[in-house]
Amino acid sequence: MQQLWTDIDHYIESNLIPEDSNLKFALQNTEDQGFPDHLAVAPNQGMLLQMLIQMNQCKRVLELGTFAAYSTIWLARALPKDGYLMTIEGRDTHAALAQQNIDHANLPVNIELKVGRAADILSKIDTDTFEPFDFIFIDADKQSYPEYLDLSLKLSHSGTVIVLDNVIRAGALIDLDNQRPSIEGIRLTFEALQNHPQLLSCTALQTVGSKGHDGFAIAIVK
């Protein structure tokens, strides 16, 4: 089935996803430097993120988990010229690669790459003076998702869209024998999302494709 899922993703991409030289460079540069490309979103997933930003006319975006900035470029492409994107990466080697790809893209949007533990960086933001984000994409260490969700809500406003990636993990989510910290983190996130008083609505979707069997959760702040 995996080959079929991959072939269908490629069919979608060849018909619906226009080629972009900046995105192509980011993928090639990532491969050339010996990093695995499976850590990046698929092109059709990147387009979905872009469309969510466009549909909601977002101007301020937060991304947790930059890796090589492939998804960062997708997010930034959707923003107006006066938009702002903060992306946070915990690994120095990933951040260096990401900065190369961001610099090459040279988009007319303010992209600020911060290096360090996302929870530490976010908790230092003065919410009294900082303008909240319109769109938040969480794609970092899964065991910290509950903490990231809590911090994201503090930096949101009514209508902010929050997307959490990789929340199905090929069904490991419902395998109670799997108690890895990353899986436990996702389960705790589902518990936190359920009937959360600060959320207007929330759901999760399974996905299959070139990245295997996974999925994402999406929530709208009340």
N, C-alpha and C. Protein backbone atom coordinates (compact mmCIF):
# COMPACT_ATOMS: atom_id res chain seq x y z
N MET A 1 0.82 -1.22 0.00
CA MET A 1 0.00 0.00 0.00
C MET A 1 0.85 1.27 0.00
N GLN A 2 2.01 1.18 0.66
CA GLN A 2 2.84 2.39 0.75
C GLN A 2 3.22 2.91 -0.64
N GLN A 3 3.57 2.00 -1.55
CA GLN A 3 3.95 2.46 -2.88
C GLN A 3 2.77 3.11 -3.59
N LEU A 4 1.57 2.56 -3.41
CA LEU A 4 0.37 3.15 -4.01
C LEU A 4 0.13 4.54 -3.44
N TRP A 5 0.23 4.68 -2.11
CA TRP A 5 0.03 6.00 -1.48
C TRP A 5 1.03 7.01 -2.03
N THR A 6 2.29 6.57 -2.17
CA THR A 6 3.33 7.46 -2.68
C THR A 6 3.05 7.86 -4.12
N ASP A 7 2.66 6.90 -4.94
CA ASP A 7 2.37 7.18 -6.35
C ASP A 7 1.20 8.17 -6.48
N ILE A 8 0.19 8.01 -5.65
CA ILE A 8 -0.95 8.93 -5.70
C ILE A 8 -0.54 10.33 -5.26
N ASP A 9 0.30 10.42 -4.23
CA ASP A 9 0.81 11.73 -3.81
C ASP A 9 1.55 12.40 -4.97
N HIS A 10 2.39 11.63 -5.66
CA HIS A 10 3.13 12.18 -6.79
C HIS A 10 2.19 12.63 -7.91
N TYR A 11 1.10 11.89 -8.12
CA TYR A 11 0.12 12.27 -9.12
C TYR A 11 -0.54 13.60 -8.74
N ILE A 12 -0.91 13.72 -7.47
CA ILE A 12 -1.50 14.98 -6.98
C ILE A 12 -0.53 16.13 -7.19
N GLU A 13 0.71 15.91 -6.79
CA GLU A 13 1.71 16.97 -6.89
C GLU A 13 1.96 17.39 -8.34
N SER A 14 2.02 16.41 -9.24
CA SER A 14 2.32 16.73 -10.64
C SER A 14 1.18 17.49 -11.32
N ASN A 15 -0.04 17.31 -10.80
CA ASN A 15 -1.19 17.97 -11.41
C ASN A 15 -1.62 19.25 -10.71
N LEU A 16 -1.42 19.33 -9.39
CA LEU A 16 -2.00 20.43 -8.63
C LEU A 16 -1.00 21.33 -7.91
N ILE A 17 0.24 20.88 -7.77
CA ILE A 17 1.21 21.66 -7.01
C ILE A 17 2.24 22.25 -7.96
N PRO A 18 2.17 23.55 -8.25
CA PRO A 18 3.15 24.17 -9.16
C PRO A 18 4.56 24.05 -8.61
N GLU A 19 5.52 23.82 -9.48
CA GLU A 19 6.91 23.71 -9.06
C GLU A 19 7.42 25.07 -8.60
N ASP A 20 8.17 25.07 -7.52
CA ASP A 20 8.72 26.30 -6.96
C ASP A 20 10.22 26.10 -6.76
N SER A 21 11.03 26.99 -7.30
CA SER A 21 12.48 26.81 -7.25
C SER A 21 13.02 26.89 -5.83
N ASN A 22 12.40 27.69 -4.98
CA ASN A 22 12.87 27.80 -3.60
C ASN A 22 12.61 26.51 -2.81
N LEU A 23 11.44 25.94 -3.01
CA LEU A 23 11.13 24.68 -2.35
C LEU A 23 12.01 23.54 -2.89
N LYS A 24 12.23 23.56 -4.18
CA LYS A 24 13.09 22.54 -4.80
C LYS A 24 14.51 22.65 -4.26
N PHE A 25 15.01 23.87 -4.13
CA PHE A 25 16.36 24.07 -3.58
C PHE A 25 16.44 23.56 -2.15
N ALA A 26 15.41 23.86 -1.34
CA ALA A 26 15.41 23.44 0.06
C ALA A 26 15.51 21.92 0.18
N LEU A 27 14.76 21.21 -0.66
CA LEU A 27 14.80 19.75 -0.62
C LEU A 27 16.16 19.22 -1.08
N GLN A 28 16.69 19.80 -2.15
CA GLN A 28 17.98 19.34 -2.68
C GLN A 28 19.11 19.66 -1.72
N ASN A 29 19.08 20.85 -1.13
CA ASN A 29 20.12 21.24 -0.18
C ASN A 29 20.08 20.34 1.05
N THR A 30 18.88 19.98 1.47
CA THR A 30 18.73 19.07 2.61
C THR A 30 19.35 17.72 2.30
N GLU A 31 19.07 17.21 1.10
CA GLU A 31 19.62 15.91 0.69
C GLU A 31 21.13 15.99 0.54
N ASP A 32 21.62 17.07 -0.08
CA ASP A 32 23.05 17.21 -0.33
C ASP A 32 23.86 17.24 0.96
N GLN A 33 23.25 17.74 2.03
CA GLN A 33 23.95 17.82 3.31
C GLN A 33 23.72 16.61 4.21
N GLY A 34 23.06 15.59 3.63
CA GLY A 34 22.94 14.32 4.32
C GLY A 34 21.82 14.22 5.33
N PHE A 35 20.85 15.12 5.24
CA PHE A 35 19.72 15.08 6.16
C PHE A 35 18.55 14.32 5.51
N PRO A 36 17.77 13.59 6.30
CA PRO A 36 16.64 12.83 5.75
C PRO A 36 15.49 13.74 5.36
N ASP A 37 14.93 13.53 4.17
CA ASP A 37 13.84 14.39 3.72
C ASP A 37 12.49 14.01 4.33
N HIS A 38 12.42 12.84 5.00
CA HIS A 38 11.13 12.41 5.54
C HIS A 38 10.68 13.28 6.71
N LEU A 39 11.58 14.11 7.24
CA LEU A 39 11.21 15.00 8.34
C LEU A 39 10.44 16.22 7.87
N ALA A 40 10.41 16.45 6.57
CA ALA A 40 9.69 17.60 6.02
C ALA A 40 8.27 17.17 5.63
N VAL A 41 7.36 18.13 5.58
CA VAL A 41 6.00 17.83 5.12
C VAL A 41 6.04 17.49 3.64
N ALA A 42 5.04 16.75 3.17
CA ALA A 42 4.90 16.48 1.75
C ALA A 42 4.41 17.74 1.04
N PRO A 43 4.68 17.88 -0.26
CA PRO A 43 4.25 19.08 -0.98
C PRO A 43 2.76 19.35 -0.89
N ASN A 44 1.93 18.32 -1.01
CA ASN A 44 0.48 18.56 -0.93
C ASN A 44 0.06 18.98 0.48
N GLN A 45 0.82 18.53 1.50
CA GLN A 45 0.56 18.98 2.86
C GLN A 45 0.99 20.44 3.03
N GLY A 46 2.11 20.79 2.42
CA GLY A 46 2.56 22.18 2.45
C GLY A 46 1.54 23.11 1.81
N MET A 47 0.96 22.66 0.71
CA MET A 47 -0.06 23.47 0.04
C MET A 47 -1.29 23.62 0.93
N LEU A 48 -1.65 22.58 1.66
CA LEU A 48 -2.79 22.69 2.58
C LEU A 48 -2.53 23.75 3.64
N LEU A 49 -1.33 23.75 4.21
CA LEU A 49 -0.98 24.77 5.21
C LEU A 49 -1.07 26.17 4.59
N GLN A 50 -0.55 26.29 3.38
CA GLN A 50 -0.60 27.58 2.68
C GLN A 50 -2.04 28.03 2.49
N MET A 51 -2.91 27.11 2.09
CA MET A 51 -4.31 27.45 1.84
C MET A 51 -5.03 27.85 3.13
N LEU A 52 -4.72 27.19 4.24
CA LEU A 52 -5.34 27.55 5.51
C LEU A 52 -4.98 28.98 5.90
N ILE A 53 -3.74 29.35 5.66
CA ILE A 53 -3.31 30.72 5.95
C ILE A 53 -4.02 31.70 5.03
N GLN A 54 -4.11 31.36 3.75
CA GLN A 54 -4.76 32.24 2.79
C GLN A 54 -6.25 32.39 3.09
N MET A 55 -6.92 31.28 3.42
CA MET A 55 -8.36 31.32 3.70
C MET A 55 -8.68 32.20 4.90
N ASN A 56 -7.77 32.21 5.87
CA ASN A 56 -8.00 32.98 7.09
C ASN A 56 -7.30 34.33 7.08
N GLN A 57 -6.68 34.68 5.94
CA GLN A 57 -6.02 35.97 5.77
C GLN A 57 -5.07 36.27 6.93
N CYS A 58 -4.28 35.28 7.26
CA CYS A 58 -3.35 35.41 8.38
C CYS A 58 -2.16 36.30 8.02
N LYS A 59 -1.66 37.01 9.01
CA LYS A 59 -0.48 37.87 8.81
C LYS A 59 0.67 37.49 9.75
N ARG A 60 0.35 36.84 10.86
CA ARG A 60 1.37 36.48 11.83
C ARG A 60 1.31 34.97 12.09
N VAL A 61 2.44 34.30 11.86
CA VAL A 61 2.50 32.84 11.93
C VAL A 61 3.61 32.40 12.88
N LEU A 62 3.32 31.37 13.65
CA LEU A 62 4.30 30.73 14.52
C LEU A 62 4.47 29.28 14.09
N GLU A 63 5.72 28.86 13.95
CA GLU A 63 6.02 27.47 13.62
C GLU A 63 6.95 26.91 14.68
N LEU A 64 6.58 25.75 15.23
CA LEU A 64 7.43 25.06 16.19
C LEU A 64 7.99 23.81 15.52
N GLY A 65 9.30 23.81 15.29
CA GLY A 65 9.94 22.70 14.58
C GLY A 65 10.26 23.10 13.16
N THR A 66 11.41 23.73 12.95
CA THR A 66 11.76 24.26 11.63
C THR A 66 12.34 23.19 10.72
N PHE A 67 13.16 22.32 11.28
CA PHE A 67 14.00 21.38 10.56
C PHE A 67 14.76 22.12 9.46
N ALA A 68 14.49 21.84 8.18
CA ALA A 68 15.24 22.47 7.09
C ALA A 68 14.51 23.66 6.48
N ALA A 69 13.40 24.08 7.10
CA ALA A 69 12.62 25.26 6.67
C ALA A 69 11.81 25.01 5.40
N TYR A 70 11.60 23.74 5.04
CA TYR A 70 10.75 23.47 3.88
C TYR A 70 9.32 23.91 4.17
N SER A 71 8.79 23.50 5.31
CA SER A 71 7.44 23.94 5.68
C SER A 71 7.41 25.44 5.95
N THR A 72 8.50 25.97 6.48
CA THR A 72 8.60 27.41 6.74
C THR A 72 8.36 28.21 5.46
N ILE A 73 8.97 27.76 4.39
CA ILE A 73 8.82 28.46 3.11
C ILE A 73 7.38 28.37 2.63
N TRP A 74 6.75 27.20 2.79
CA TRP A 74 5.34 27.08 2.43
C TRP A 74 4.50 28.07 3.22
N LEU A 75 4.73 28.16 4.52
CA LEU A 75 3.97 29.08 5.37
C LEU A 75 4.20 30.53 4.97
N ALA A 76 5.45 30.88 4.73
CA ALA A 76 5.80 32.26 4.42
C ALA A 76 5.26 32.70 3.07
N ARG A 77 5.19 31.76 2.12
CA ARG A 77 4.69 32.10 0.78
C ARG A 77 3.26 32.61 0.82
N ALA A 78 2.51 32.18 1.84
CA ALA A 78 1.10 32.54 1.92
C ALA A 78 0.87 33.90 2.56
N LEU A 79 1.90 34.49 3.13
CA LEU A 79 1.75 35.73 3.89
C LEU A 79 1.87 36.97 3.00
N PRO A 80 1.21 38.05 3.38
CA PRO A 80 1.41 39.33 2.67
C PRO A 80 2.81 39.87 2.96
N LYS A 81 3.22 40.87 2.23
CA LYS A 81 4.58 41.40 2.37
C LYS A 81 4.86 41.95 3.76
N ASP A 82 3.81 42.41 4.44
CA ASP A 82 4.01 42.92 5.80
C ASP A 82 3.75 41.84 6.85
N GLY A 83 3.77 40.57 6.42
CA GLY A 83 3.56 39.47 7.34
C GLY A 83 4.80 39.17 8.17
N TYR A 84 4.60 38.35 9.19
CA TYR A 84 5.69 37.98 10.09
C TYR A 84 5.58 36.50 10.43
N LEU A 85 6.71 35.81 10.39
CA LEU A 85 6.75 34.39 10.72
C LEU A 85 7.89 34.14 11.71
N MET A 86 7.55 33.61 12.86
CA MET A 86 8.56 33.15 13.82
C MET A 86 8.63 31.64 13.76
N THR A 87 9.80 31.10 13.53
CA THR A 87 9.97 29.66 13.51
C THR A 87 11.06 29.29 14.51
N ILE A 88 10.84 28.20 15.26
CA ILE A 88 11.74 27.83 16.34
C ILE A 88 12.26 26.42 16.11
N GLU A 89 13.58 26.27 16.19
CA GLU A 89 14.23 24.98 15.99
C GLU A 89 15.18 24.70 17.15
N GLY A 90 15.12 23.48 17.67
CA GLY A 90 15.91 23.14 18.84
C GLY A 90 17.32 22.67 18.55
N ARG A 91 17.59 22.23 17.33
CA ARG A 91 18.91 21.68 17.00
C ARG A 91 19.72 22.66 16.18
N ASP A 92 20.93 22.89 16.61
CA ASP A 92 21.79 23.86 15.92
C ASP A 92 22.05 23.46 14.46
N THR A 93 22.29 22.17 14.22
CA THR A 93 22.60 21.73 12.85
C THR A 93 21.39 21.92 11.94
N HIS A 94 20.20 21.64 12.46
CA HIS A 94 18.99 21.86 11.66
C HIS A 94 18.78 23.34 11.41
N ALA A 95 19.02 24.16 12.43
CA ALA A 95 18.80 25.60 12.29
C ALA A 95 19.75 26.21 11.26
N ALA A 96 20.99 25.73 11.22
CA ALA A 96 21.95 26.24 10.24
C ALA A 96 21.50 25.92 8.83
N LEU A 97 21.03 24.69 8.63
CA LEU A 97 20.51 24.29 7.32
C LEU A 97 19.27 25.11 6.97
N ALA A 98 18.39 25.28 7.94
CA ALA A 98 17.16 26.06 7.71
C ALA A 98 17.48 27.48 7.30
N GLN A 99 18.45 28.10 7.96
CA GLN A 99 18.78 29.48 7.64
C GLN A 99 19.30 29.60 6.22
N GLN A 100 20.07 28.60 5.77
CA GLN A 100 20.54 28.60 4.38
C GLN A 100 19.36 28.61 3.42
N ASN A 101 18.39 27.75 3.69
CA ASN A 101 17.23 27.64 2.79
C ASN A 101 16.34 28.87 2.85
N ILE A 102 16.22 29.48 4.03
CA ILE A 102 15.45 30.71 4.17
C ILE A 102 16.14 31.84 3.42
N ASP A 103 17.46 31.95 3.59
CA ASP A 103 18.21 33.01 2.91
C ASP A 103 18.12 32.86 1.40
N HIS A 104 18.20 31.63 0.92
CA HIS A 104 18.12 31.41 -0.53
C HIS A 104 16.75 31.80 -1.06
N ALA A 105 15.70 31.50 -0.32
CA ALA A 105 14.35 31.81 -0.77
C ALA A 105 14.14 33.33 -0.88
N ASN A 106 14.75 34.08 0.02
CA ASN A 106 14.72 35.55 -0.04
C ASN A 106 13.30 36.08 -0.24
N LEU A 107 12.39 35.58 0.56
CA LEU A 107 10.99 35.99 0.44
C LEU A 107 10.78 37.38 1.05
N PRO A 108 9.81 38.14 0.54
CA PRO A 108 9.57 39.50 1.02
C PRO A 108 8.76 39.54 2.32
N VAL A 109 9.05 38.60 3.20
CA VAL A 109 8.32 38.46 4.46
C VAL A 109 9.36 38.39 5.58
N ASN A 110 9.05 38.95 6.72
CA ASN A 110 9.96 38.90 7.86
C ASN A 110 9.89 37.51 8.49
N ILE A 111 10.96 36.71 8.28
CA ILE A 111 11.06 35.37 8.86
C ILE A 111 12.13 35.41 9.93
N GLU A 112 11.76 35.13 11.16
CA GLU A 112 12.69 35.14 12.28
C GLU A 112 12.89 33.71 12.78
N LEU A 113 14.11 33.21 12.63
CA LEU A 113 14.44 31.87 13.09
C LEU A 113 15.10 31.95 14.46
N LYS A 114 14.48 31.32 15.44
CA LYS A 114 15.04 31.28 16.79
C LYS A 114 15.51 29.86 17.08
N VAL A 115 16.65 29.75 17.77
CA VAL A 115 17.24 28.45 18.07
C VAL A 115 17.19 28.22 19.58
N GLY A 116 16.64 27.07 19.96
CA GLY A 116 16.54 26.73 21.37
C GLY A 116 15.30 25.92 21.63
N ARG A 117 15.09 25.59 22.89
CA ARG A 117 13.90 24.83 23.26
C ARG A 117 12.68 25.74 23.11
N ALA A 118 11.71 25.28 22.32
CA ALA A 118 10.56 26.13 21.99
C ALA A 118 9.83 26.59 23.24
N ALA A 119 9.64 25.70 24.21
CA ALA A 119 8.90 26.08 25.42
C ALA A 119 9.62 27.20 26.17
N ASP A 120 10.94 27.16 26.20
CA ASP A 120 11.70 28.20 26.89
C ASP A 120 11.55 29.54 26.16
N ILE A 121 11.63 29.50 24.85
CA ILE A 121 11.53 30.73 24.06
C ILE A 121 10.13 31.33 24.18
N LEU A 122 9.10 30.49 24.05
CA LEU A 122 7.73 31.00 24.09
C LEU A 122 7.35 31.53 25.46
N SER A 123 7.82 30.88 26.51
CA SER A 123 7.45 31.30 27.86
C SER A 123 8.07 32.64 28.24
N LYS A 124 9.09 33.07 27.51
CA LYS A 124 9.72 34.36 27.79
C LYS A 124 9.05 35.52 27.06
N ILE A 125 8.11 35.23 26.18
CA ILE A 125 7.42 36.28 25.44
C ILE A 125 6.45 37.00 26.36
N ASP A 126 6.52 38.31 26.35
CA ASP A 126 5.62 39.13 27.15
C ASP A 126 4.28 39.24 26.43
N THR A 127 3.30 38.50 26.91
CA THR A 127 2.00 38.47 26.23
C THR A 127 1.25 39.79 26.33
N ASP A 128 1.68 40.67 27.23
CA ASP A 128 1.01 41.97 27.38
C ASP A 128 1.37 42.92 26.24
N THR A 129 2.54 42.73 25.66
CA THR A 129 3.00 43.64 24.61
C THR A 129 3.15 42.97 23.25
N PHE A 130 3.15 41.62 23.21
CA PHE A 130 3.38 40.89 21.97
C PHE A 130 2.07 40.69 21.23
N GLU A 131 2.06 41.01 19.94
CA GLU A 131 0.86 40.81 19.14
C GLU A 131 0.65 39.32 18.89
N PRO A 132 -0.53 38.78 19.16
CA PRO A 132 -0.76 37.33 19.04
C PRO A 132 -0.65 36.84 17.60
N PHE A 133 -0.49 35.53 17.49
CA PHE A 133 -0.37 34.90 16.17
C PHE A 133 -1.75 34.54 15.61
N ASP A 134 -1.83 34.55 14.29
CA ASP A 134 -3.07 34.18 13.60
C ASP A 134 -3.11 32.70 13.25
N PHE A 135 -1.92 32.11 13.09
CA PHE A 135 -1.81 30.72 12.65
C PHE A 135 -0.61 30.11 13.34
N ILE A 136 -0.77 28.90 13.88
CA ILE A 136 0.32 28.23 14.58
C ILE A 136 0.44 26.80 14.06
N PHE A 137 1.64 26.43 13.64
CA PHE A 137 1.91 25.09 13.14
C PHE A 137 2.90 24.42 14.08
N ILE A 138 2.47 23.32 14.70
CA ILE A 138 3.29 22.60 15.67
C ILE A 138 3.76 21.29 15.05
N ASP A 139 5.07 21.17 14.85
CA ASP A 139 5.65 19.98 14.23
C ASP A 139 7.02 19.74 14.86
N ALA A 140 7.04 19.60 16.18
CA ALA A 140 8.29 19.45 16.92
C ALA A 140 8.24 18.16 17.73
N ASP A 141 9.00 18.08 18.81
CA ASP A 141 9.04 16.86 19.62
C ASP A 141 7.67 16.58 20.22
N LYS A 142 7.19 15.39 19.98
CA LYS A 142 5.79 15.05 20.29
C LYS A 142 5.52 14.98 21.80
N GLN A 143 6.53 14.61 22.59
CA GLN A 143 6.29 14.52 24.02
C GLN A 143 5.99 15.89 24.63
N SER A 144 6.36 16.95 23.91
CA SER A 144 6.13 18.30 24.43
C SER A 144 4.87 18.95 23.85
N TYR A 145 4.10 18.22 23.05
CA TYR A 145 2.91 18.80 22.43
C TYR A 145 1.93 19.40 23.44
N PRO A 146 1.66 18.73 24.58
CA PRO A 146 0.73 19.36 25.54
C PRO A 146 1.22 20.72 26.02
N GLU A 147 2.51 20.82 26.28
CA GLU A 147 3.08 22.09 26.72
C GLU A 147 3.03 23.13 25.61
N TYR A 148 3.34 22.70 24.38
CA TYR A 148 3.30 23.62 23.25
C TYR A 148 1.89 24.14 23.01
N LEU A 149 0.90 23.26 23.17
CA LEU A 149 -0.48 23.68 22.99
C LEU A 149 -0.85 24.75 24.01
N ASP A 150 -0.49 24.53 25.25
CA ASP A 150 -0.80 25.49 26.30
C ASP A 150 -0.14 26.84 26.03
N LEU A 151 1.12 26.83 25.65
CA LEU A 151 1.84 28.07 25.36
C LEU A 151 1.28 28.75 24.11
N SER A 152 0.89 27.96 23.12
CA SER A 152 0.33 28.52 21.89
C SER A 152 -0.97 29.26 22.17
N LEU A 153 -1.79 28.69 23.03
CA LEU A 153 -3.06 29.33 23.36
C LEU A 153 -2.84 30.68 24.03
N LYS A 154 -1.77 30.81 24.78
CA LYS A 154 -1.46 32.08 25.43
C LYS A 154 -1.01 33.14 24.42
N LEU A 155 -0.59 32.69 23.25
CA LEU A 155 -0.11 33.61 22.21
C LEU A 155 -1.09 33.71 21.05
N SER A 156 -2.35 33.33 21.31
CA SER A 156 -3.39 33.31 20.29
C SER A 156 -4.45 34.37 20.57
N HIS A 157 -5.34 34.53 19.60
CA HIS A 157 -6.51 35.38 19.76
C HIS A 157 -7.72 34.61 19.25
N SER A 158 -8.89 35.15 19.42
CA SER A 158 -10.09 34.50 18.90
C SER A 158 -9.97 34.34 17.39
N GLY A 159 -10.08 33.10 16.92
CA GLY A 159 -9.97 32.83 15.49
C GLY A 159 -8.62 32.27 15.07
N THR A 160 -7.64 32.28 15.96
CA THR A 160 -6.35 31.69 15.62
C THR A 160 -6.52 30.21 15.28
N VAL A 161 -5.86 29.78 14.21
CA VAL A 161 -5.89 28.38 13.78
C VAL A 161 -4.62 27.69 14.26
N ILE A 162 -4.78 26.56 14.92
CA ILE A 162 -3.63 25.78 15.41
C ILE A 162 -3.65 24.40 14.74
N VAL A 163 -2.54 24.05 14.10
CA VAL A 163 -2.40 22.75 13.44
C VAL A 163 -1.27 21.99 14.10
N LEU A 164 -1.54 20.76 14.52
CA LEU A 164 -0.53 19.90 15.13
C LEU A 164 -0.29 18.72 14.21
N ASP A 165 0.94 18.54 13.76
CA ASP A 165 1.26 17.50 12.79
C ASP A 165 1.66 16.20 13.49
N ASN A 166 1.56 15.10 12.74
CA ASN A 166 2.04 13.77 13.17
C ASN A 166 1.36 13.27 14.45
N VAL A 167 0.04 13.27 14.47
CA VAL A 167 -0.68 12.89 15.69
C VAL A 167 -1.29 11.48 15.62
N ILE A 168 -1.06 10.75 14.53
CA ILE A 168 -1.60 9.39 14.39
C ILE A 168 -0.50 8.34 14.50
N ARG A 169 0.63 8.61 13.89
CA ARG A 169 1.82 7.76 14.01
C ARG A 169 1.53 6.30 13.65
N ALA A 170 0.91 6.11 12.48
CA ALA A 170 0.63 4.76 11.96
C ALA A 170 -0.18 3.92 12.95
N GLY A 171 -1.03 4.56 13.72
CA GLY A 171 -1.89 3.85 14.64
C GLY A 171 -1.30 3.64 16.02
N ALA A 172 -0.06 4.06 16.23
CA ALA A 172 0.56 3.89 17.55
C ALA A 172 -0.22 4.62 18.63
N LEU A 173 -0.95 5.64 18.22
CA LEU A 173 -1.78 6.42 19.13
C LEU A 173 -2.71 5.54 19.97
N ILE A 174 -3.29 4.51 19.35
CA ILE A 174 -4.27 3.68 20.05
C ILE A 174 -3.69 2.34 20.51
N ASP A 175 -2.40 2.15 20.33
CA ASP A 175 -1.73 0.95 20.82
C ASP A 175 -1.31 1.20 22.26
N LEU A 176 -2.10 0.72 23.21
CA LEU A 176 -1.85 1.03 24.62
C LEU A 176 -0.57 0.40 25.15
N ASP A 177 -0.03 -0.58 24.41
CA ASP A 177 1.25 -1.16 24.80
C ASP A 177 2.42 -0.25 24.44
N ASN A 178 2.16 0.70 23.56
CA ASN A 178 3.20 1.66 23.15
C ASN A 178 3.16 2.84 24.11
N GLN A 179 4.15 2.90 24.97
CA GLN A 179 4.20 3.96 25.97
C GLN A 179 5.43 4.84 25.79
N ARG A 180 5.91 4.93 24.55
CA ARG A 180 7.02 5.85 24.29
C ARG A 180 6.61 7.26 24.64
N PRO A 181 7.53 8.08 25.13
CA PRO A 181 7.19 9.46 25.51
C PRO A 181 6.51 10.24 24.39
N SER A 182 6.95 10.02 23.15
CA SER A 182 6.35 10.76 22.03
C SER A 182 4.88 10.38 21.85
N ILE A 183 4.57 9.10 21.99
CA ILE A 183 3.18 8.65 21.83
C ILE A 183 2.33 9.09 23.02
N GLU A 184 2.89 8.98 24.21
CA GLU A 184 2.17 9.46 25.39
C GLU A 184 1.88 10.95 25.29
N GLY A 185 2.83 11.69 24.71
CA GLY A 185 2.63 13.12 24.53
C GLY A 185 1.46 13.43 23.62
N ILE A 186 1.31 12.64 22.56
CA ILE A 186 0.19 12.84 21.64
C ILE A 186 -1.13 12.49 22.32
N ARG A 187 -1.14 11.40 23.09
CA ARG A 187 -2.37 11.03 23.80
C ARG A 187 -2.79 12.13 24.77
N LEU A 188 -1.84 12.66 25.49
CA LEU A 188 -2.14 13.75 26.43
C LEU A 188 -2.65 14.98 25.69
N THR A 189 -2.16 15.18 24.47
CA THR A 189 -2.63 16.30 23.67
C THR A 189 -4.08 16.13 23.28
N PHE A 190 -4.45 14.92 22.88
CA PHE A 190 -5.86 14.65 22.57
C PHE A 190 -6.74 14.90 23.79
N GLU A 191 -6.27 14.49 24.95
CA GLU A 191 -7.03 14.73 26.18
C GLU A 191 -7.18 16.22 26.44
N ALA A 192 -6.12 16.97 26.17
CA ALA A 192 -6.17 18.42 26.39
C ALA A 192 -7.10 19.11 25.39
N LEU A 193 -7.13 18.61 24.17
CA LEU A 193 -7.97 19.21 23.14
C LEU A 193 -9.45 18.95 23.37
N GLN A 194 -9.75 17.84 24.01
CA GLN A 194 -11.15 17.45 24.22
C GLN A 194 -11.88 18.45 25.11
N ASN A 195 -12.89 19.09 24.54
CA ASN A 195 -13.72 20.05 25.29
C ASN A 195 -12.89 21.15 25.96
N HIS A 196 -11.81 21.55 25.31
CA HIS A 196 -10.97 22.61 25.89
C HIS A 196 -11.76 23.92 25.93
N PRO A 197 -11.78 24.60 27.06
CA PRO A 197 -12.61 25.80 27.19
C PRO A 197 -12.18 26.96 26.29
N GLN A 198 -10.94 26.91 25.79
CA GLN A 198 -10.45 28.00 24.95
C GLN A 198 -10.60 27.72 23.46
N LEU A 199 -11.14 26.55 23.11
CA LEU A 199 -11.25 26.19 21.71
C LEU A 199 -12.70 26.22 21.23
N LEU A 200 -12.90 26.82 20.07
CA LEU A 200 -14.22 26.86 19.45
C LEU A 200 -14.59 25.51 18.88
N SER A 201 -13.64 24.89 18.18
CA SER A 201 -13.85 23.57 17.59
C SER A 201 -12.51 22.92 17.32
N CYS A 202 -12.53 21.60 17.20
CA CYS A 202 -11.28 20.85 17.00
C CYS A 202 -11.60 19.50 16.39
N THR A 203 -10.71 19.03 15.53
CA THR A 203 -10.82 17.67 14.99
C THR A 203 -9.44 17.16 14.63
N ALA A 204 -9.37 15.91 14.23
CA ALA A 204 -8.12 15.32 13.74
C ALA A 204 -8.45 14.46 12.54
N LEU A 205 -7.52 14.39 11.60
CA LEU A 205 -7.71 13.63 10.37
C LEU A 205 -6.54 12.69 10.15
N GLN A 206 -6.85 11.44 9.76
CA GLN A 206 -5.80 10.53 9.34
C GLN A 206 -5.37 10.88 7.92
N THR A 207 -4.12 10.67 7.62
CA THR A 207 -3.62 10.86 6.26
C THR A 207 -2.77 9.66 5.86
N VAL A 208 -2.80 9.33 4.58
CA VAL A 208 -1.87 8.36 4.02
C VAL A 208 -1.25 9.00 2.79
N GLY A 209 0.00 8.67 2.53
CA GLY A 209 0.67 9.25 1.38
C GLY A 209 2.14 8.92 1.39
N SER A 210 2.94 9.77 0.77
CA SER A 210 4.37 9.52 0.68
C SER A 210 5.04 9.50 2.04
N LYS A 211 4.39 10.09 3.05
CA LYS A 211 4.94 10.10 4.42
C LYS A 211 4.38 8.96 5.26
N GLY A 212 3.66 8.04 4.64
CA GLY A 212 3.11 6.91 5.37
C GLY A 212 1.75 7.23 5.96
N HIS A 213 1.41 6.53 7.02
CA HIS A 213 0.12 6.66 7.69
C HIS A 213 0.31 7.55 8.92
N ASP A 214 -0.29 8.72 8.87
CA ASP A 214 -0.18 9.66 10.00
C ASP A 214 -1.41 10.55 10.01
N GLY A 215 -1.28 11.77 10.44
CA GLY A 215 -2.42 12.65 10.46
C GLY A 215 -2.13 13.93 11.23
N PHE A 216 -3.11 14.81 11.28
CA PHE A 216 -2.92 16.08 11.97
C PHE A 216 -4.20 16.44 12.71
N ALA A 217 -4.04 17.26 13.74
CA ALA A 217 -5.16 17.83 14.46
C ALA A 217 -5.23 19.31 14.12
N ILE A 218 -6.42 19.85 14.09
CA ILE A 218 -6.61 21.27 13.79
C ILE A 218 -7.65 21.83 14.74
N ALA A 219 -7.36 23.00 15.29
CA ALA A 219 -8.24 23.62 16.26
C ALA A 219 -8.37 25.11 15.96
N ILE A 220 -9.51 25.67 16.34
CA ILE A 220 -9.77 27.10 16.21
C ILE A 220 -10.00 27.66 17.61
N VAL A 221 -9.28 28.73 17.91
CA VAL A 221 -9.39 29.33 19.24
C VAL A 221 -10.71 30.10 19.37
N LYS A 222 -11.36 29.95 20.49
CA LYS A 222 -12.67 30.57 20.74
C LYS A 222 -12.51 32.09 20.87
